[in-house]
Amino acid sequence: MRYFLYVSLLFLAALVACRPKLYRNLQVQTSTEKLHSFSDPEQLKVHFDRLLYSGQVYGKTPLGKRFHLSGLLFFKQMEDGGQRVVFQNQMGVSFFDFGWDTAGKFTVYQVMDQMNKPALIKTLKKDFEFLLYRNLKTPAAGLYYNPSGMDYLKYELEKGFVYYIFDQGNIVQIENADDKRKVVTIDLEQAKGSNTLAERIRIKHLRANFSIDLSKIQEENNTVDDITEE
């Protein structure tokens, strides 16, 4: 019995050792033009006054129960240089209201009781910081490209790293991973350039087992101003 257990453990260890390393096909980018275009982090930061998205959240609890939230997600550039992200349902009740000041300090202005969990707030904070290029460790850890010619801009995190993936200058995906597997993928559709938010955004949490779908819509009646007034 011990022999078979020992053999099984050796086999499992061999499988882990032979697991393909993520991003193994990436090559270091040596193009002077490409290196210059990604050298200044300020060029990549998202610029907007206010944006409105239709939001859908799908997931599964640790007990296997499925859940679904829908509403409106607002991005707002504040007059003091800070930014706010607010998610409301159709009745105007806020699921959460998060903000960052010009130095990158994060503030929870409001969060509903069911979502007031440190792990969840930390996860959402990281999602939006990825989208807004906030609180990244600069300079970038490197610029790479794959065989299809897409550029991978890498930033180191406290745990793992994040790649910003560009196709002909347009950002198409953001991937948060470690050396073994991906943690979060953010698909960006119809993004024009690198410093504007895409028309469609899909955030997949591969370990936490939930996703966020965002579709840009036209704002009406200055709603973004109303919900972020102090």
Protein backbone atom coordinates (compact mmCIF):
# COMPACT_ATOMS: atom_id res chain seq x y z
CA MET A 1 0.00 0.00 0.00
CA ARG A 2 2.80 2.38 0.91
CA TYR A 3 4.58 1.51 -2.33
CA PHE A 4 1.56 2.47 -4.44
CA LEU A 5 1.14 5.69 -2.45
CA TYR A 6 4.79 6.53 -3.02
CA VAL A 7 4.51 5.85 -6.76
CA SER A 8 1.35 7.99 -6.95
CA LEU A 9 3.10 10.91 -5.25
CA LEU A 10 6.05 10.63 -7.62
CA PHE A 11 3.71 10.61 -10.60
CA LEU A 12 1.86 13.69 -9.32
CA ALA A 13 5.13 15.52 -8.72
CA ALA A 14 6.25 14.67 -12.28
CA LEU A 15 3.00 16.08 -13.70
CA VAL A 16 3.45 19.33 -11.77
CA ALA A 17 7.07 19.63 -12.88
CA CYS A 18 6.10 19.05 -16.51
CA ARG A 19 3.24 21.57 -16.44
CA PRO A 20 3.85 24.11 -19.22
CA LYS A 21 5.01 27.45 -17.85
CA LEU A 22 2.65 30.29 -18.63
CA TYR A 23 3.76 32.76 -21.30
CA ARG A 24 6.68 30.55 -22.31
CA ASN A 25 6.32 31.68 -25.94
CA LEU A 26 6.96 35.35 -25.18
CA GLN A 27 10.09 37.03 -26.51
CA VAL A 28 11.79 40.17 -25.20
CA GLN A 29 10.79 43.18 -27.29
CA THR A 30 13.84 44.88 -28.79
CA SER A 31 12.14 47.32 -31.17
CA THR A 32 13.25 50.84 -30.21
CA GLU A 33 9.97 52.27 -31.47
CA LYS A 34 7.88 49.84 -29.42
CA LEU A 35 10.00 50.37 -26.30
CA HIS A 36 9.61 54.13 -26.61
CA SER A 37 5.82 53.94 -27.06
CA PHE A 38 5.44 52.00 -23.79
CA SER A 39 8.14 53.77 -21.76
CA ASP A 40 5.94 56.43 -20.15
CA PRO A 41 3.20 55.02 -17.86
CA GLU A 42 1.31 58.33 -18.08
CA GLN A 43 0.66 57.63 -21.76
CA LEU A 44 -1.27 54.52 -20.81
CA LYS A 45 -3.49 55.92 -18.07
CA VAL A 46 -7.18 56.00 -18.92
CA HIS A 47 -8.63 59.46 -19.57
CA PHE A 48 -12.34 60.25 -19.16
CA ASP A 49 -14.73 62.71 -17.56
CA ARG A 50 -17.54 60.25 -16.91
CA LEU A 51 -18.52 56.89 -18.32
CA LEU A 52 -21.60 54.73 -17.88
CA TYR A 53 -21.83 50.96 -18.32
CA SER A 54 -24.55 48.38 -18.03
CA GLY A 55 -23.20 45.80 -15.59
CA GLN A 56 -23.96 42.13 -15.04
CA VAL A 57 -22.31 40.05 -12.31
CA TYR A 58 -22.53 36.26 -12.42
CA GLY A 59 -21.08 33.87 -9.91
CA LYS A 60 -21.31 30.96 -7.56
CA THR A 61 -21.00 30.97 -3.77
CA PRO A 62 -18.59 28.59 -1.97
CA LEU A 63 -21.65 26.40 -1.31
CA GLY A 64 -22.41 26.19 -5.02
CA LYS A 65 -25.40 28.54 -5.09
CA ARG A 66 -25.51 30.73 -8.19
CA PHE A 67 -26.08 34.49 -7.95
CA HIS A 68 -26.67 37.35 -10.38
CA LEU A 69 -26.54 41.13 -9.95
CA SER A 70 -27.38 43.72 -12.57
CA GLY A 71 -27.23 47.49 -12.61
CA LEU A 72 -25.31 50.54 -13.82
CA LEU A 73 -21.60 51.07 -13.28
CA PHE A 74 -20.30 54.66 -13.32
CA PHE A 75 -16.75 55.89 -13.75
CA LYS A 76 -16.33 59.52 -12.70
CA GLN A 77 -13.32 61.84 -12.88
CA MET A 78 -13.53 64.21 -9.91
CA GLU A 79 -12.57 67.88 -9.97
CA ASP A 80 -9.79 67.29 -7.43
CA GLY A 81 -8.13 64.75 -9.75
CA GLY A 82 -9.47 61.68 -7.98
CA GLN A 83 -11.69 59.02 -9.51
CA ARG A 84 -14.85 57.25 -8.38
CA VAL A 85 -16.45 53.96 -9.39
CA VAL A 86 -20.08 53.38 -8.39
CA PHE A 87 -22.31 50.36 -9.04
CA GLN A 88 -26.07 50.86 -8.56
CA ASN A 89 -29.14 48.76 -9.25
CA GLN A 90 -31.99 50.04 -11.42
CA MET A 91 -33.72 51.51 -8.35
CA GLY A 92 -30.74 53.71 -7.52
CA VAL A 93 -29.49 51.65 -4.56
CA SER A 94 -25.69 51.49 -4.49
CA PHE A 95 -23.98 48.13 -4.29
CA PHE A 96 -20.69 49.95 -3.76
CA ASP A 97 -19.05 53.34 -4.16
CA PHE A 98 -15.23 53.32 -4.34
CA GLY A 99 -12.78 56.14 -4.86
CA TRP A 100 -9.09 56.95 -5.35
CA ASP A 101 -7.39 60.26 -4.67
CA THR A 102 -4.59 61.70 -6.80
CA ALA A 103 -1.98 59.81 -4.75
CA GLY A 104 -3.78 56.51 -5.33
CA LYS A 105 -5.25 56.17 -1.83
CA PHE A 106 -8.32 53.94 -1.93
CA THR A 107 -11.55 54.82 -0.05
CA VAL A 108 -14.76 52.85 0.39
CA TYR A 109 -17.45 55.53 0.44
CA GLN A 110 -20.28 53.04 0.61
CA VAL A 111 -20.83 49.29 0.29
CA MET A 112 -23.97 47.26 0.92
CA ASP A 113 -23.86 44.89 3.89
CA GLN A 114 -23.93 41.72 1.76
CA MET A 115 -20.80 42.88 -0.10
CA ASN A 116 -18.96 44.35 2.88
CA LYS A 117 -16.35 41.61 3.00
CA PRO A 118 -12.63 42.51 3.03
CA ALA A 119 -11.66 39.83 0.50
CA LEU A 120 -14.37 40.90 -1.96
CA ILE A 121 -13.56 44.60 -1.62
CA LYS A 122 -9.87 43.85 -2.16
CA THR A 123 -10.72 41.84 -5.29
CA LEU A 124 -12.92 44.56 -6.78
CA LYS A 125 -10.34 47.21 -5.91
CA LYS A 126 -7.70 45.27 -7.84
CA ASP A 127 -10.03 44.85 -10.85
CA PHE A 128 -10.63 48.57 -11.21
CA GLU A 129 -7.01 49.47 -10.55
CA PHE A 130 -6.05 47.19 -13.43
CA LEU A 131 -8.56 48.94 -15.70
CA LEU A 132 -7.49 52.43 -14.63
CA TYR A 133 -3.71 51.73 -14.51
CA ARG A 134 -3.64 52.69 -10.84
CA ASN A 135 -1.09 51.76 -8.15
CA LEU A 136 1.18 49.79 -10.48
CA LYS A 137 4.81 49.31 -9.53
CA THR A 138 6.78 51.40 -12.02
CA PRO A 139 8.81 51.13 -14.09
CA ALA A 140 7.30 48.20 -15.96
CA ALA A 141 9.03 44.86 -15.47
CA GLY A 142 9.41 44.34 -19.21
CA LEU A 143 7.94 44.47 -22.70
CA TYR A 144 7.49 41.27 -24.68
CA TYR A 145 5.77 40.00 -27.81
CA ASN A 146 4.29 36.70 -28.93
CA PRO A 147 4.52 34.98 -32.36
CA SER A 148 1.35 36.72 -33.54
CA GLY A 149 2.95 40.11 -32.91
CA MET A 150 0.92 41.23 -29.88
CA ASP A 151 2.79 43.22 -27.22
CA TYR A 152 2.79 42.19 -23.55
CA LEU A 153 3.59 44.93 -21.04
CA LYS A 154 4.41 43.37 -17.66
CA TYR A 155 4.09 44.85 -14.18
CA GLU A 156 5.12 43.05 -10.99
CA LEU A 157 2.59 42.84 -8.14
CA GLU A 158 2.97 41.94 -4.48
CA LYS A 159 1.79 38.49 -5.54
CA GLY A 160 2.29 37.49 -9.15
CA PHE A 161 2.18 39.95 -12.04
CA VAL A 162 -0.14 41.56 -14.58
CA TYR A 163 0.21 41.71 -18.35
CA TYR A 164 -1.38 44.43 -20.47
CA ILE A 165 -1.78 42.94 -23.94
CA PHE A 166 -1.88 45.14 -27.05
CA ASP A 167 -2.68 44.38 -30.66
CA GLN A 168 -1.47 47.07 -33.07
CA GLY A 169 -1.54 49.68 -30.30
CA ASN A 170 -5.04 48.82 -29.04
CA ILE A 171 -5.37 47.14 -25.67
CA VAL A 172 -7.25 43.84 -26.00
CA GLN A 173 -6.71 42.03 -22.71
CA ILE A 174 -5.37 42.29 -19.17
CA GLU A 175 -4.14 39.12 -17.46
CA ASN A 176 -3.26 38.73 -13.79
CA ALA A 177 -1.30 35.55 -13.12
CA ASP A 178 1.54 33.86 -11.29
CA ASP A 179 4.08 31.38 -12.65
CA LYS A 180 1.57 28.52 -12.48
CA ARG A 181 -1.81 29.80 -13.60
CA LYS A 182 -3.96 32.79 -14.43
CA VAL A 183 -6.00 34.42 -11.67
CA VAL A 184 -7.99 37.11 -13.51
CA THR A 185 -8.52 37.78 -17.21
CA ILE A 186 -10.07 40.99 -18.52
CA ASP A 187 -11.21 40.93 -22.15
CA LEU A 188 -11.54 44.34 -23.79
CA GLU A 189 -13.56 44.72 -26.98
CA GLN A 190 -13.58 47.75 -29.27
CA ALA A 191 -10.90 49.63 -27.36
CA LYS A 192 -9.48 52.53 -29.35
CA GLY A 193 -5.87 53.12 -28.36
CA SER A 194 -4.50 52.37 -24.92
CA ASN A 195 -5.86 55.19 -22.79
CA THR A 196 -9.62 54.79 -23.25
CA LEU A 197 -11.92 52.23 -21.67
CA ALA A 198 -13.31 49.66 -24.09
CA GLU A 199 -16.92 49.48 -25.26
CA ARG A 200 -17.25 46.01 -23.75
CA ILE A 201 -15.35 44.64 -20.75
CA ARG A 202 -15.52 41.10 -19.39
CA ILE A 203 -13.73 40.33 -16.12
CA LYS A 204 -13.32 36.65 -15.24
CA HIS A 205 -12.16 35.57 -11.79
CA LEU A 206 -10.85 32.09 -12.45
CA ARG A 207 -10.29 31.16 -8.80
CA ALA A 208 -13.07 33.14 -7.13
CA ASN A 209 -15.56 31.79 -9.68
CA PHE A 210 -17.41 34.94 -10.71
CA SER A 211 -17.45 37.30 -13.68
CA ILE A 212 -18.40 40.90 -14.44
CA ASP A 213 -19.74 41.91 -17.86
CA LEU A 214 -19.80 45.60 -18.75
CA SER A 215 -21.28 47.24 -21.86
CA LYS A 216 -20.87 50.98 -22.41
CA ILE A 217 -24.12 52.95 -22.76
CA GLN A 218 -25.05 56.59 -23.15
CA GLU A 219 -25.48 58.45 -19.88
CA GLU A 220 -28.57 60.59 -19.34
CA ASN A 221 -29.51 63.54 -17.16
CA ASN A 222 -26.04 63.87 -15.61
CA THR A 223 -26.62 60.75 -13.53
CA VAL A 224 -22.92 60.36 -12.87
CA ASP A 225 -22.74 63.82 -11.29
CA ASP A 226 -25.76 63.14 -9.11
CA ILE A 227 -24.56 59.90 -7.53
CA THR A 228 -21.05 61.12 -6.71
CA GLU A 229 -21.98 64.37 -5.02
CA GLU A 230 -20.82 64.52 -1.43
